[in-house]
Amino acid sequence: MSSDKSRSKDSERTENLRAILRVPANRPAAAQLLADLQPGSTPAGPSGKKAAAKAMKAYAGELAGLQERLFANARGGADRRVLLVLQGMDTSGKGGVVEHVLGLVNPGGIRMHAFKAPTEEEKRHDFLWRVRQALPGEGQIGIFDRSHYEDVLIVKVHQLASDAEIHERYEKINAFERELTDDGYTIVKCFLNISKETQKERLLARLDDPQKHWKFNPGDIDERARWDDYQSAYFEALTRCTSDAAPWYAVPSDHKWYRNWAVGQLLLETLRELDPQFPQMHFDVQEQRERLLAAG
């Protein structure tokens, strides 16, 4: 009996994962949430790797169906788009999420962009210019592997801009995201939160496997030395740039299986709420069927 109750409570918590992982704008509340949601925690949902794989398999069909309806809806004139932002320290698993979660849906309805160091052309524009070029089209799910937040994270940690300029960028980001949501975008921002020890293990694994050397960048060790500075910069971004329309979710990411399940669940809950429908097309189905049959 107690086992049934436990499963029931876990199911309820899973259905509200967005409420569990959402980072509040209030700084003390956000600090408490991040303290409670340790990188190695599994606050709701499956309790292990096999259970997570089973859960993802169970929701894969629904997720794919919702994405198809979102994409089809654009054919009927609806202008809805979803933007999934993935941010996290090196090795937090942004690529893994793209592979395991977005691999569950039709790639034709996906637009993925990985942000690297800005090019010379991009440097000649406002920092949001290159972000606008990468936005998803009507009916698409866009995925940002890193994002416009790099310009208040790396820039802050390496002191590449003044505090006043960084503060201005927070304001520009908030205005930009309000503009997007007003234009029909739904934004899901995921902070893939890993521990310093887990990052060390993953970097060592890359060094110990010749087939993973291509994933290793010696600069990762330099950035790792600034761990505390990055945690502070992330906290500022999470609390200064969160809103009802564009919330941040802190996803515990030490366990890859949990990270993947959680991001998929967040996306699923978001699409369920959007509830896209197949459009009503403006032609006579029977007439077109007869024309097709008559054409031979």
Protein backbone atom coordinates (compact mmCIF):
# COMPACT_ATOMS: atom_id res chain seq x y z
CA MET A 1 0.00 0.00 0.00
CA SER A 2 2.78 2.40 0.93
CA SER A 3 4.55 1.52 -2.35
CA ASP A 4 1.42 2.50 -4.33
CA LYS A 5 1.21 5.79 -2.44
CA SER A 6 4.88 6.45 -3.12
CA ARG A 7 4.42 5.85 -6.85
CA SER A 8 1.35 8.09 -6.86
CA LYS A 9 3.18 10.95 -5.14
CA ASP A 10 6.14 10.54 -7.49
CA SER A 11 3.82 10.72 -10.49
CA GLU A 12 2.26 13.91 -9.18
CA ARG A 13 5.68 15.46 -8.68
CA THR A 14 6.76 14.41 -12.16
CA GLU A 15 3.75 16.12 -13.71
CA ASN A 16 4.85 19.36 -12.04
CA LEU A 17 8.55 19.19 -12.73
CA ARG A 18 8.56 22.78 -13.99
CA ALA A 19 7.33 23.97 -10.58
CA ILE A 20 9.99 21.90 -8.81
CA LEU A 21 12.97 23.05 -10.89
CA ARG A 22 11.97 26.64 -11.58
CA VAL A 23 14.44 29.22 -10.26
CA PRO A 24 12.71 32.13 -8.51
CA ALA A 25 13.81 35.71 -9.10
CA ASN A 26 14.04 36.30 -5.35
CA ARG A 27 17.72 35.86 -4.53
CA PRO A 28 17.41 34.18 -1.09
CA ALA A 29 14.74 31.83 -2.47
CA ALA A 30 16.91 31.05 -5.50
CA ALA A 31 19.92 30.35 -3.29
CA GLN A 32 17.83 27.97 -1.19
CA LEU A 33 16.48 26.18 -4.27
CA LEU A 34 19.98 25.64 -5.68
CA ALA A 35 21.15 24.41 -2.28
CA ASP A 36 18.28 21.91 -2.21
CA LEU A 37 18.68 20.84 -5.85
CA GLN A 38 22.23 19.56 -5.61
CA PRO A 39 23.78 18.49 -8.94
CA GLY A 40 23.64 14.84 -7.90
CA SER A 41 20.03 14.94 -6.70
CA THR A 42 17.00 13.40 -8.41
CA PRO A 43 14.15 15.50 -6.98
CA ALA A 44 11.31 13.86 -8.93
CA GLY A 45 10.68 11.22 -11.55
CA PRO A 46 12.61 8.00 -12.20
CA SER A 47 14.90 6.63 -9.53
CA GLY A 48 17.55 5.08 -11.76
CA LYS A 49 19.03 4.75 -15.24
CA LYS A 50 16.78 1.90 -16.39
CA ALA A 51 13.67 3.62 -15.05
CA ALA A 52 14.65 6.85 -16.82
CA ALA A 53 15.14 5.06 -20.14
CA LYS A 54 11.74 3.42 -19.70
CA ALA A 55 10.11 6.76 -18.84
CA MET A 56 11.64 8.47 -21.87
CA LYS A 57 10.48 5.66 -24.12
CA ALA A 58 7.00 6.04 -22.64
CA TYR A 59 6.75 9.76 -23.39
CA ALA A 60 8.61 9.70 -26.73
CA GLY A 61 5.47 9.14 -28.78
CA GLU A 62 3.55 11.94 -27.11
CA LEU A 63 6.49 14.33 -27.44
CA ALA A 64 6.86 13.54 -31.14
CA GLY A 65 3.11 13.95 -31.68
CA LEU A 66 3.05 17.34 -29.99
CA GLN A 67 6.00 18.50 -32.06
CA GLU A 68 4.29 17.35 -35.25
CA ARG A 69 1.15 19.31 -34.32
CA LEU A 70 3.24 22.39 -33.51
CA PHE A 71 4.91 22.16 -36.92
CA ALA A 72 1.66 21.43 -38.77
CA ASN A 73 -0.09 24.29 -37.00
CA ALA A 74 2.22 26.74 -38.75
CA ARG A 75 0.81 25.52 -42.09
CA GLY A 76 -2.56 26.74 -40.90
CA GLY A 77 -1.28 30.22 -40.13
CA ALA A 78 -0.46 29.87 -36.43
CA ASP A 79 2.83 31.44 -35.40
CA ARG A 80 3.99 29.44 -32.41
CA ARG A 81 7.63 28.53 -31.79
CA VAL A 82 9.52 26.96 -28.89
CA LEU A 83 13.06 27.93 -27.91
CA LEU A 84 14.99 25.54 -25.67
CA VAL A 85 18.07 27.19 -24.16
CA LEU A 86 20.78 24.89 -22.77
CA GLN A 87 23.43 26.47 -20.56
CA GLY A 88 25.95 24.87 -18.25
CA MET A 89 29.60 24.42 -17.42
CA ASP A 90 31.84 22.41 -19.75
CA THR A 91 30.82 18.70 -19.74
CA SER A 92 27.37 19.50 -18.30
CA GLY A 93 25.83 17.61 -21.22
CA LYS A 94 24.34 20.09 -23.65
CA GLY A 95 25.25 17.84 -26.57
CA GLY A 96 23.91 14.81 -24.73
CA VAL A 97 20.53 16.46 -24.31
CA VAL A 98 20.41 17.28 -28.02
CA GLU A 99 21.23 13.67 -28.89
CA HIS A 100 18.96 11.87 -26.42
CA VAL A 101 16.01 14.24 -26.05
CA LEU A 102 15.72 15.99 -29.40
CA GLY A 103 16.51 12.66 -31.03
CA LEU A 104 12.99 11.64 -30.02
CA VAL A 105 11.35 14.10 -32.41
CA ASN A 106 11.37 14.76 -36.15
CA PRO A 107 14.56 16.65 -37.09
CA GLY A 108 12.61 18.44 -39.80
CA GLY A 109 10.89 20.50 -37.14
CA ILE A 110 14.08 21.36 -35.27
CA ARG A 111 16.56 24.20 -35.63
CA MET A 112 19.72 23.72 -33.59
CA HIS A 113 22.51 26.25 -33.12
CA ALA A 114 25.69 25.94 -31.06
CA PHE A 115 27.17 29.27 -30.06
CA LYS A 116 30.96 29.53 -30.10
CA ALA A 117 33.26 32.51 -29.62
CA PRO A 118 31.88 35.37 -31.75
CA THR A 119 33.33 35.82 -35.23
CA GLU A 120 34.81 39.11 -36.41
CA GLU A 121 31.57 39.91 -38.21
CA GLU A 122 29.50 39.15 -35.10
CA LYS A 123 31.74 41.39 -33.00
CA ARG A 124 30.80 44.31 -35.23
CA HIS A 125 27.18 44.03 -34.09
CA ASP A 126 25.28 44.16 -30.84
CA PHE A 127 25.71 40.89 -28.89
CA LEU A 128 22.11 39.86 -29.62
CA TRP A 129 22.53 40.22 -33.39
CA ARG A 130 23.89 36.73 -33.92
CA VAL A 131 21.21 35.29 -31.64
CA ARG A 132 18.44 36.75 -33.80
CA GLN A 133 19.94 35.04 -36.87
CA ALA A 134 19.60 31.65 -35.17
CA LEU A 135 15.99 31.83 -33.95
CA PRO A 136 13.61 29.01 -34.96
CA GLY A 137 11.05 29.51 -37.69
CA GLU A 138 7.28 29.16 -37.45
CA GLY A 139 6.27 25.83 -35.94
CA GLN A 140 9.84 24.86 -35.08
CA ILE A 141 11.56 23.92 -31.84
CA GLY A 142 14.84 25.81 -31.62
CA ILE A 143 17.72 24.57 -29.49
CA PHE A 144 20.51 26.83 -28.34
CA ASP A 145 23.64 24.95 -27.24
CA ARG A 146 24.93 27.88 -25.19
CA SER A 147 23.23 31.16 -26.01
CA HIS A 148 23.03 34.90 -25.50
CA TYR A 149 23.84 34.20 -21.84
CA GLU A 150 27.46 33.62 -22.77
CA ASP A 151 27.66 37.42 -23.01
CA VAL A 152 26.91 37.84 -19.30
CA LEU A 153 28.81 34.74 -18.14
CA ILE A 154 32.22 34.58 -19.81
CA VAL A 155 32.28 38.36 -20.13
CA LYS A 156 31.62 38.76 -16.40
CA VAL A 157 34.07 36.05 -15.28
CA HIS A 158 36.90 37.36 -17.47
CA GLN A 159 36.02 41.00 -16.77
CA LEU A 160 35.71 41.81 -20.46
CA ALA A 161 33.16 44.51 -19.74
CA SER A 162 32.35 46.89 -16.92
CA ASP A 163 29.72 46.09 -14.29
CA ALA A 164 27.53 48.82 -15.79
CA GLU A 165 27.73 47.27 -19.26
CA ILE A 166 26.94 43.81 -17.92
CA HIS A 167 23.95 45.22 -16.02
CA GLU A 168 22.78 46.80 -19.27
CA ARG A 169 23.08 43.44 -20.99
CA TYR A 170 20.81 41.81 -18.38
CA GLU A 171 18.23 44.47 -19.21
CA LYS A 172 18.67 43.92 -22.95
CA ILE A 173 18.25 40.18 -22.52
CA ASN A 174 15.04 40.67 -20.54
CA ALA A 175 13.68 43.03 -23.18
CA PHE A 176 14.72 40.63 -25.97
CA GLU A 177 12.97 37.69 -24.33
CA ARG A 178 9.82 39.76 -23.72
CA GLU A 179 9.87 40.65 -27.40
CA LEU A 180 10.13 36.98 -28.35
CA THR A 181 7.29 35.85 -26.11
CA ASP A 182 5.11 38.69 -27.38
CA ASP A 183 5.83 37.42 -30.91
CA GLY A 184 4.66 33.87 -30.17
CA TYR A 185 7.77 32.19 -28.79
CA THR A 186 7.68 29.94 -25.75
CA ILE A 187 11.06 29.94 -24.01
CA VAL A 188 12.40 27.07 -21.89
CA LYS A 189 15.77 27.85 -20.29
CA CYS A 190 17.67 24.97 -18.67
CA PHE A 191 20.70 25.43 -16.43
CA LEU A 192 22.45 22.04 -16.55
CA ASN A 193 23.95 22.04 -13.09
CA ILE A 194 26.93 19.76 -12.47
CA SER A 195 29.35 19.51 -9.57
CA LYS A 196 33.03 20.35 -9.79
CA GLU A 197 33.93 16.74 -8.99
CA THR A 198 31.72 15.37 -11.77
CA GLN A 199 33.27 17.78 -14.25
CA LYS A 200 36.72 16.54 -13.24
CA GLU A 201 35.65 12.92 -13.78
CA ARG A 202 34.25 13.70 -17.23
CA LEU A 203 37.33 15.63 -18.32
CA LEU A 204 39.58 12.77 -17.12
CA ALA A 205 37.40 10.30 -19.04
CA ARG A 206 38.01 12.31 -22.21
CA LEU A 207 41.75 12.30 -21.62
CA ASP A 208 41.81 8.58 -20.86
CA ASP A 209 39.99 7.60 -24.06
CA PRO A 210 41.84 8.37 -27.33
CA GLN A 211 38.50 8.36 -29.15
CA LYS A 212 37.33 11.21 -26.89
CA HIS A 213 40.41 13.42 -27.20
CA TRP A 214 38.63 15.50 -29.83
CA LYS A 215 36.15 16.56 -27.14
CA PHE A 216 38.89 17.87 -24.85
CA ASN A 217 40.08 21.45 -24.89
CA PRO A 218 43.11 22.40 -22.75
CA GLY A 219 41.34 25.67 -22.09
CA ASP A 220 38.71 23.74 -20.10
CA ILE A 221 41.25 23.39 -17.29
CA ASP A 222 41.84 27.14 -17.28
CA GLU A 223 38.10 27.80 -17.11
CA ARG A 224 37.74 25.21 -14.36
CA ALA A 225 40.13 27.23 -12.21
CA ARG A 226 37.46 29.97 -12.25
CA TRP A 227 34.72 27.63 -11.00
CA ASP A 228 33.53 29.83 -8.15
CA ASP A 229 33.45 32.89 -10.40
CA TYR A 230 31.30 31.01 -12.89
CA GLN A 231 28.90 29.84 -10.19
CA SER A 232 28.50 33.46 -9.10
CA ALA A 233 27.96 34.61 -12.69
CA TYR A 234 25.35 31.91 -13.25
CA PHE A 235 23.51 32.93 -10.10
CA GLU A 236 23.34 36.51 -11.33
CA ALA A 237 22.03 35.44 -14.73
CA LEU A 238 19.49 33.03 -13.26
CA THR A 239 18.02 35.59 -10.87
CA ARG A 240 18.26 38.74 -13.01
CA CYS A 241 16.87 37.15 -16.17
CA THR A 242 13.94 35.01 -15.13
CA SER A 243 10.26 35.79 -15.60
CA ASP A 244 6.88 34.10 -15.93
CA ALA A 245 7.28 34.20 -19.70
CA ALA A 246 10.91 33.04 -19.80
CA PRO A 247 11.73 31.07 -16.64
CA TRP A 248 14.96 29.33 -15.76
CA TYR A 249 14.95 25.69 -14.64
CA ALA A 250 17.86 24.28 -12.62
CA VAL A 251 18.36 20.71 -13.85
CA PRO A 252 20.55 18.47 -11.63
CA SER A 253 23.00 17.04 -14.18
CA ASP A 254 25.55 14.85 -12.43
CA HIS A 255 23.49 11.85 -13.56
CA LYS A 256 23.24 11.95 -17.33
CA TRP A 257 20.14 9.77 -17.34
CA TYR A 258 18.34 12.12 -14.98
CA ARG A 259 19.40 15.22 -16.91
CA ASN A 260 18.08 13.81 -20.18
CA TRP A 261 14.80 12.65 -18.69
CA ALA A 262 14.27 15.98 -16.90
CA VAL A 263 14.85 18.20 -19.95
CA GLY A 264 12.56 15.95 -21.99
CA GLN A 265 9.91 16.15 -19.29
CA LEU A 266 10.18 19.96 -19.13
CA LEU A 267 9.74 20.15 -22.88
CA LEU A 268 6.82 17.73 -22.73
CA GLU A 269 5.03 19.74 -20.03
CA THR A 270 5.59 22.93 -22.02
CA LEU A 271 4.16 21.47 -25.24
CA ARG A 272 1.21 19.96 -23.37
CA GLU A 273 0.37 23.40 -22.05
CA LEU A 274 0.66 24.91 -25.54
CA ASP A 275 -1.62 22.12 -26.81
CA PRO A 276 -1.01 22.69 -30.54
CA GLN A 277 -3.68 21.31 -32.86
CA PHE A 278 -3.66 20.15 -36.45
CA PRO A 279 -4.95 23.04 -38.59
CA GLN A 280 -8.23 23.09 -40.45
CA MET A 281 -7.17 23.43 -44.09
CA HIS A 282 -9.34 25.43 -46.49
CA PHE A 283 -10.13 22.93 -49.22
CA ASP A 284 -12.85 20.36 -49.86
CA VAL A 285 -11.33 16.98 -49.00
CA GLN A 286 -13.89 14.96 -50.99
CA GLU A 287 -13.45 17.20 -54.03
CA GLN A 288 -9.68 16.83 -53.94
CA ARG A 289 -9.98 13.07 -53.45
CA GLU A 290 -12.19 12.78 -56.53
CA ARG A 291 -9.77 14.91 -58.56
CA LEU A 292 -6.88 12.69 -57.55
CA LEU A 293 -8.71 9.48 -58.45
CA ALA A 294 -9.84 10.94 -61.77
CA ALA A 295 -6.30 11.95 -62.66
CA GLY A 296 -5.28 8.29 -62.62
